[in-house]
Amino acid sequence: MLSFAGRGRIGCVADDALALVEQLAAAFAAGNRAVLADNEQGRKFASALNGHVSLAADVLEADVDAVLYAGAKAEEARRELAARDGALVPLILRGENGYNVHRLVVERALSVNTTAAGGNASLMSMTE
């Protein structure tokens, strides 16, 4: 069985409020939590979105699973993320039609080993 789930914590970095709203919509549409900069704008959004947003002194250094970015210093941000220890964190830029929401989810696959039941799948679903 194949299913999809949110990637986790998505950092949102934007030069203006409208771009930030678009990032938040993409992050939430994919089932994620957002991480915003701990500044006046970030605190306003965090207050309005009551618990769906976390704040960080520096989003690019925060514990995030991906970063949505809208700004003039994308290459600098990409280098900063690449220099971090641990898992690689993708920097996702807005495309022609917005953000690619599929980059904000992970696939989960579940398989059942019917060999454990002697190859008979009906034995796996029997109830007492």
C-alpha atoms as a PDB file:
ATOM      1  CA  MET A   1       0.000   0.000   0.000  1.00  0.00           C
ATOM      2  CA  LEU A   2       1.360   3.415  -0.946  1.00  0.00           C
ATOM      3  CA  SER A   3       0.576   6.549   1.050  1.00  0.00           C
ATOM      4  CA  PHE A   4       1.938  10.045   1.381  1.00  0.00           C
ATOM      5  CA  ALA A   5       2.714  12.123   4.472  1.00  0.00           C
ATOM      6  CA  GLY A   6       4.057  15.576   5.130  1.00  0.00           C
ATOM      7  CA  ARG A   7       7.844  15.862   5.141  1.00  0.00           C
ATOM      8  CA  GLY A   8       7.762  17.405   8.634  1.00  0.00           C
ATOM      9  CA  ARG A   9       8.974  20.869   9.562  1.00  0.00           C
ATOM     10  CA  ILE A  10       9.243  23.258   6.617  1.00  0.00           C
ATOM     11  CA  GLY A  11      11.236  26.462   6.933  1.00  0.00           C
ATOM     12  CA  CYS A  12       9.634  29.431   5.187  1.00  0.00           C
ATOM     13  CA  VAL A  13      11.875  32.344   4.184  1.00  0.00           C
ATOM     14  CA  ALA A  14      10.434  35.212   2.126  1.00  0.00           C
ATOM     15  CA  ASP A  15      11.184  38.861   1.487  1.00  0.00           C
ATOM     16  CA  ASP A  16       7.522  39.899   1.697  1.00  0.00           C
ATOM     17  CA  ALA A  17       4.296  38.842   3.389  1.00  0.00           C
ATOM     18  CA  LEU A  18       2.532  37.727   0.193  1.00  0.00           C
ATOM     19  CA  ALA A  19       5.344  35.308  -0.675  1.00  0.00           C
ATOM     20  CA  LEU A  20       5.282  34.022   2.902  1.00  0.00           C
ATOM     21  CA  VAL A  21       1.522  33.381   2.686  1.00  0.00           C
ATOM     22  CA  GLU A  22       2.101  31.340  -0.484  1.00  0.00           C
ATOM     23  CA  GLN A  23       4.813  29.323   1.286  1.00  0.00           C
ATOM     24  CA  LEU A  24       2.586  28.688   4.297  1.00  0.00           C
ATOM     25  CA  ALA A  25      -0.245  27.526   2.023  1.00  0.00           C
ATOM     26  CA  ALA A  26       2.081  25.062   0.270  1.00  0.00           C
ATOM     27  CA  ALA A  27       3.524  23.754   3.545  1.00  0.00           C
ATOM     28  CA  PHE A  28       0.106  23.282   5.163  1.00  0.00           C
ATOM     29  CA  ALA A  29      -1.462  21.774   2.018  1.00  0.00           C
ATOM     30  CA  ALA A  30       1.110  18.982   2.189  1.00  0.00           C
ATOM     31  CA  GLY A  31       0.477  18.327   5.905  1.00  0.00           C
ATOM     32  CA  ASN A  32       3.568  20.015   7.341  1.00  0.00           C
ATOM     33  CA  ARG A  33       4.338  22.426  10.167  1.00  0.00           C
ATOM     34  CA  ALA A  34       5.982  25.730   9.293  1.00  0.00           C
ATOM     35  CA  VAL A  35       9.052  27.337  10.846  1.00  0.00           C
ATOM     36  CA  LEU A  36       9.325  31.120  10.484  1.00  0.00           C
ATOM     37  CA  ALA A  37      11.906  33.693  11.481  1.00  0.00           C
ATOM     38  CA  ASP A  38      11.445  35.042  14.997  1.00  0.00           C
ATOM     39  CA  ASN A  39      10.775  38.616  13.904  1.00  0.00           C
ATOM     40  CA  GLU A  40       7.730  40.895  13.928  1.00  0.00           C
ATOM     41  CA  GLN A  41       6.201  39.339  10.802  1.00  0.00           C
ATOM     42  CA  GLY A  42       6.885  35.781  11.983  1.00  0.00           C
ATOM     43  CA  ARG A  43       5.330  36.454  15.393  1.00  0.00           C
ATOM     44  CA  LYS A  44       2.193  37.900  13.747  1.00  0.00           C
ATOM     45  CA  PHE A  45       1.758  34.795  11.608  1.00  0.00           C
ATOM     46  CA  ALA A  46       2.486  32.483  14.551  1.00  0.00           C
ATOM     47  CA  SER A  47      -0.138  34.255  16.647  1.00  0.00           C
ATOM     48  CA  ALA A  48      -2.745  34.130  13.866  1.00  0.00           C
ATOM     49  CA  LEU A  49      -2.077  30.477  13.023  1.00  0.00           C
ATOM     50  CA  ASN A  50      -2.236  29.332  16.646  1.00  0.00           C
ATOM     51  CA  GLY A  51       0.135  26.421  17.059  1.00  0.00           C
ATOM     52  CA  HIS A  52       0.810  25.486  13.439  1.00  0.00           C
ATOM     53  CA  VAL A  53       3.927  27.652  13.238  1.00  0.00           C
ATOM     54  CA  SER A  54       7.203  27.546  15.167  1.00  0.00           C
ATOM     55  CA  LEU A  55       9.679  30.408  15.362  1.00  0.00           C
ATOM     56  CA  ALA A  56      13.459  30.220  14.995  1.00  0.00           C
ATOM     57  CA  ALA A  57      16.184  32.838  15.339  1.00  0.00           C
ATOM     58  CA  ASP A  58      17.619  31.635  11.997  1.00  0.00           C
ATOM     59  CA  VAL A  59      15.387  29.423   9.851  1.00  0.00           C
ATOM     60  CA  LEU A  60      18.352  28.158   7.813  1.00  0.00           C
ATOM     61  CA  GLU A  61      19.977  26.824  11.001  1.00  0.00           C
ATOM     62  CA  ALA A  62      16.756  25.473  12.532  1.00  0.00           C
ATOM     63  CA  ASP A  63      15.778  21.802  12.720  1.00  0.00           C
ATOM     64  CA  VAL A  64      13.821  21.667   9.443  1.00  0.00           C
ATOM     65  CA  ASP A  65      13.251  19.024   6.773  1.00  0.00           C
ATOM     66  CA  ALA A  66      13.108  21.463   3.826  1.00  0.00           C
ATOM     67  CA  VAL A  67      13.160  25.217   3.214  1.00  0.00           C
ATOM     68  CA  LEU A  68      10.842  27.177   0.933  1.00  0.00           C
ATOM     69  CA  TYR A  69      12.733  30.267  -0.190  1.00  0.00           C
ATOM     70  CA  ALA A  70      11.732  33.493  -1.934  1.00  0.00           C
ATOM     71  CA  GLY A  71      14.495  36.064  -1.941  1.00  0.00           C
ATOM     72  CA  ALA A  72      17.484  37.519  -3.693  1.00  0.00           C
ATOM     73  CA  LYS A  73      20.115  35.427  -1.892  1.00  0.00           C
ATOM     74  CA  ALA A  74      19.028  31.906  -2.879  1.00  0.00           C
ATOM     75  CA  GLU A  75      22.542  30.685  -3.730  1.00  0.00           C
ATOM     76  CA  GLU A  76      23.884  31.950  -0.418  1.00  0.00           C
ATOM     77  CA  ALA A  77      21.039  30.163   1.382  1.00  0.00           C
ATOM     78  CA  ARG A  78      21.716  26.963  -0.589  1.00  0.00           C
ATOM     79  CA  ARG A  79      25.398  27.043   0.414  1.00  0.00           C
ATOM     80  CA  GLU A  80      24.481  27.624   4.065  1.00  0.00           C
ATOM     81  CA  LEU A  81      22.128  24.623   4.046  1.00  0.00           C
ATOM     82  CA  ALA A  82      24.723  22.456   2.272  1.00  0.00           C
ATOM     83  CA  ALA A  83      27.348  23.285   4.914  1.00  0.00           C
ATOM     84  CA  ARG A  84      25.171  21.987   7.757  1.00  0.00           C
ATOM     85  CA  ASP A  85      25.956  18.729   9.535  1.00  0.00           C
ATOM     86  CA  GLY A  86      23.458  15.901   9.268  1.00  0.00           C
ATOM     87  CA  ALA A  87      20.853  15.182   6.632  1.00  0.00           C
ATOM     88  CA  LEU A  88      20.741  17.246   3.458  1.00  0.00           C
ATOM     89  CA  VAL A  89      17.996  19.876   3.577  1.00  0.00           C
ATOM     90  CA  PRO A  90      16.563  20.874   0.189  1.00  0.00           C
ATOM     91  CA  LEU A  91      16.089  24.547  -0.670  1.00  0.00           C
ATOM     92  CA  ILE A  92      12.894  24.780  -2.703  1.00  0.00           C
ATOM     93  CA  LEU A  93      12.339  27.838  -4.884  1.00  0.00           C
ATOM     94  CA  ARG A  94       9.046  29.016  -6.341  1.00  0.00           C
ATOM     95  CA  GLY A  95       8.500  27.718  -9.853  1.00  0.00           C
ATOM     96  CA  GLU A  96       6.484  29.197 -12.683  1.00  0.00           C
ATOM     97  CA  ASN A  97       3.242  27.877 -11.160  1.00  0.00           C
ATOM     98  CA  GLY A  98       4.129  28.179  -7.477  1.00  0.00           C
ATOM     99  CA  TYR A  99       5.835  25.690  -5.197  1.00  0.00           C
ATOM    100  CA  ASN A 100       6.009  22.008  -6.148  1.00  0.00           C
ATOM    101  CA  VAL A 101       3.994  20.515  -3.309  1.00  0.00           C
ATOM    102  CA  HIS A 102       5.198  16.998  -4.178  1.00  0.00           C
ATOM    103  CA  ARG A 103       8.617  18.046  -2.823  1.00  0.00           C
ATOM    104  CA  LEU A 104       6.977  18.649   0.564  1.00  0.00           C
ATOM    105  CA  VAL A 105       5.747  15.080   1.049  1.00  0.00           C
ATOM    106  CA  VAL A 106       7.352  11.692   1.576  1.00  0.00           C
ATOM    107  CA  GLU A 107       6.168   8.350   0.218  1.00  0.00           C
ATOM    108  CA  ARG A 108       5.419   5.486   2.535  1.00  0.00           C
ATOM    109  CA  ALA A 109       5.064   1.971   1.212  1.00  0.00           C
ATOM    110  CA  LEU A 110       3.711  -0.973   3.181  1.00  0.00           C
ATOM    111  CA  SER A 111       4.225  -4.506   1.960  1.00  0.00           C
ATOM    112  CA  VAL A 112       3.022  -7.753   3.468  1.00  0.00           C
ATOM    113  CA  ASN A 113       5.348 -10.745   3.450  1.00  0.00           C
ATOM    114  CA  THR A 114       2.961 -13.572   2.569  1.00  0.00           C
ATOM    115  CA  THR A 115       5.840 -16.048   2.686  1.00  0.00           C
ATOM    116  CA  ALA A 116       5.550 -15.934   6.465  1.00  0.00           C
ATOM    117  CA  ALA A 117       2.104 -17.522   6.075  1.00  0.00           C
ATOM    118  CA  GLY A 118       3.317 -20.196   3.695  1.00  0.00           C
ATOM    119  CA  GLY A 119       2.400 -18.111   0.659  1.00  0.00           C
ATOM    120  CA  ASN A 120      -1.294 -18.073   1.574  1.00  0.00           C
ATOM    121  CA  ALA A 121      -2.379 -14.422   1.870  1.00  0.00           C
ATOM    122  CA  SER A 122      -5.776 -15.394   3.348  1.00  0.00           C
ATOM    123  CA  LEU A 123      -3.998 -16.718   6.455  1.00  0.00           C
ATOM    124  CA  MET A 124      -2.662 -13.208   7.084  1.00  0.00           C
ATOM    125  CA  SER A 125      -6.167 -11.739   7.299  1.00  0.00           C
ATOM    126  CA  MET A 126      -7.901 -14.431   9.386  1.00  0.00           C
ATOM    127  CA  THR A 127      -9.597 -13.369  12.596  1.00  0.00           C
ATOM    128  CA  GLU A 128     -10.275 -15.557  15.577  1.00  0.00           C
END
